[in-house]
Amino acid sequence: MIWLLALILSCVGTEVFVHLPIARSVARTLASGTQASRVILSSAISDHWKEKVMPTYALRMGRQSLMLTACFAFLTGIVGGLVLIMDRLVPGTALFIASGPGLVFSFFISILYYQARRHIVRAG
């Protein structure tokens, strides 16, 4: 029964992860970092202009980092809440999921679920 609960938790966690804007936030953060480094390395841009524009890039990257933190906190809260509920239904579930075999099982189930989901979404 614990294995089944771990399977359900892995699938739900993967589904929540897929629907969060994590990839978009990472891409925006990388783009802002790339823009900032281009400005810093450019000899055609004056130091005065660099001093004016760099706080904007820093603020943008800070906001994007907070967005990523919020996404991971939300994911952790959902999965943690589900683990607590499952542990009340079947005692020992939380210990199993936090153990080595539970983590490996959840990792592989999440990968398999994600691959199957991508294949189904592409086909449909």
Protein backbone atom coordinates (compact mmCIF):
# COMPACT_ATOMS: atom_id res chain seq x y z
CA MET A 1 0.00 0.00 0.00
CA ILE A 2 2.88 2.37 0.78
CA TRP A 3 4.31 1.78 -2.71
CA LEU A 4 0.97 2.74 -4.26
CA LEU A 5 0.81 5.92 -2.19
CA ALA A 6 4.36 6.79 -3.23
CA LEU A 7 3.36 6.25 -6.87
CA ILE A 8 0.34 8.55 -6.50
CA LEU A 9 2.41 11.18 -4.72
CA SER A 10 5.07 11.07 -7.45
CA CYS A 11 2.50 11.50 -10.21
CA VAL A 12 0.72 14.35 -8.44
CA GLY A 13 4.01 16.07 -7.63
CA THR A 14 5.15 15.77 -11.24
CA GLU A 15 1.84 17.15 -12.50
CA VAL A 16 2.07 20.16 -10.17
CA PHE A 17 5.69 20.73 -11.24
CA VAL A 18 4.73 20.64 -14.93
CA HIS A 19 2.05 23.29 -14.45
CA LEU A 20 4.26 25.73 -12.55
CA PRO A 21 6.01 28.45 -14.60
CA ILE A 22 9.48 27.23 -13.61
CA ALA A 23 10.96 26.86 -17.11
CA ARG A 24 9.72 30.31 -18.09
CA SER A 25 11.18 31.86 -14.92
CA VAL A 26 14.54 30.18 -15.46
CA ALA A 27 14.61 31.34 -19.09
CA ARG A 28 13.81 34.92 -18.07
CA THR A 29 16.47 34.87 -15.36
CA LEU A 30 19.08 33.60 -17.82
CA ALA A 31 18.04 36.20 -20.40
CA SER A 32 18.37 39.00 -17.86
CA GLY A 33 21.78 37.73 -16.81
CA THR A 34 22.89 37.55 -20.43
CA GLN A 35 21.69 41.10 -21.09
CA ALA A 36 23.43 42.38 -17.98
CA SER A 37 26.72 40.72 -18.90
CA ARG A 38 26.52 42.15 -22.43
CA VAL A 39 26.11 45.62 -20.99
CA ILE A 40 28.99 45.17 -18.56
CA LEU A 41 31.35 43.76 -21.20
CA SER A 42 30.47 46.29 -23.90
CA SER A 43 33.05 48.96 -24.46
CA ALA A 44 30.55 50.95 -26.55
CA ILE A 45 28.38 51.66 -23.49
CA SER A 46 29.56 54.37 -21.12
CA ASP A 47 30.16 53.63 -17.45
CA HIS A 48 27.55 56.25 -16.58
CA TRP A 49 24.88 54.36 -18.54
CA LYS A 50 26.03 51.04 -17.04
CA GLU A 51 25.55 52.51 -13.56
CA LYS A 52 22.01 53.54 -14.48
CA VAL A 53 20.89 50.31 -16.14
CA MET A 54 22.49 47.66 -13.90
CA PRO A 55 20.12 48.21 -10.94
CA THR A 56 17.23 47.53 -13.33
CA TYR A 57 18.76 44.21 -14.36
CA ALA A 58 19.49 43.37 -10.72
CA LEU A 59 15.90 44.12 -9.72
CA ARG A 60 14.57 42.05 -12.61
CA MET A 61 16.77 39.09 -11.68
CA GLY A 62 15.79 39.45 -8.02
CA ARG A 63 12.08 39.33 -8.88
CA GLN A 64 12.60 36.27 -11.07
CA SER A 65 14.55 34.55 -8.30
CA LEU A 66 11.69 35.25 -5.89
CA MET A 67 9.26 33.78 -8.42
CA LEU A 68 11.34 30.60 -8.62
CA THR A 69 11.49 30.44 -4.82
CA ALA A 70 7.71 30.84 -4.63
CA CYS A 71 7.19 28.06 -7.19
CA PHE A 72 9.41 25.64 -5.30
CA ALA A 73 7.85 26.61 -1.97
CA PHE A 74 4.37 25.98 -3.43
CA LEU A 75 5.48 22.59 -4.80
CA THR A 76 7.05 21.67 -1.46
CA GLY A 77 3.89 22.71 0.39
CA ILE A 78 1.62 20.64 -1.86
CA VAL A 79 3.81 17.54 -1.71
CA GLY A 80 4.45 17.96 2.02
CA GLY A 81 0.73 18.32 2.71
CA LEU A 82 -0.01 15.20 0.67
CA VAL A 83 2.68 13.27 2.55
CA LEU A 84 1.14 14.30 5.89
CA ILE A 85 -2.33 13.24 4.75
CA MET A 86 -1.01 9.92 3.41
CA ASP A 87 0.93 9.31 6.62
CA ARG A 88 -2.27 9.72 8.64
CA LEU A 89 -4.05 7.22 6.39
CA VAL A 90 -1.19 4.71 6.34
CA PRO A 91 1.36 5.23 9.13
CA GLY A 92 4.95 4.92 7.96
CA THR A 93 4.35 6.45 4.54
CA ALA A 94 6.41 9.56 5.30
CA LEU A 95 9.33 7.45 6.54
CA PHE A 96 9.20 5.28 3.42
CA ILE A 97 9.05 8.25 1.04
CA ALA A 98 12.00 9.90 2.82
CA SER A 99 14.06 6.69 2.76
CA GLY A 100 16.54 5.77 0.04
CA PRO A 101 14.33 3.20 -1.69
CA GLY A 102 11.33 5.54 -1.49
CA LEU A 103 13.25 8.44 -3.02
CA VAL A 104 14.67 6.27 -5.82
CA PHE A 105 11.22 4.80 -6.51
CA SER A 106 9.62 8.27 -6.56
CA PHE A 107 12.36 9.62 -8.81
CA PHE A 108 11.91 6.87 -11.41
CA ILE A 109 8.12 7.00 -11.26
CA SER A 110 8.24 10.77 -11.78
CA ILE A 111 10.49 10.38 -14.82
CA LEU A 112 8.31 7.62 -16.28
CA TYR A 113 5.13 9.61 -15.62
CA TYR A 114 6.60 12.73 -17.21
CA GLN A 115 7.73 10.82 -20.31
CA ALA A 116 4.35 9.10 -20.66
CA ARG A 117 2.57 12.41 -20.17
CA ARG A 118 4.65 14.10 -22.86
CA HIS A 119 3.98 11.23 -25.26
CA ILE A 120 0.22 11.32 -24.60
CA VAL A 121 0.01 15.12 -24.86
CA ARG A 122 1.96 15.07 -28.14
CA ALA A 123 -0.19 12.29 -29.58
CA GLY A 124 -3.46 13.95 -28.48
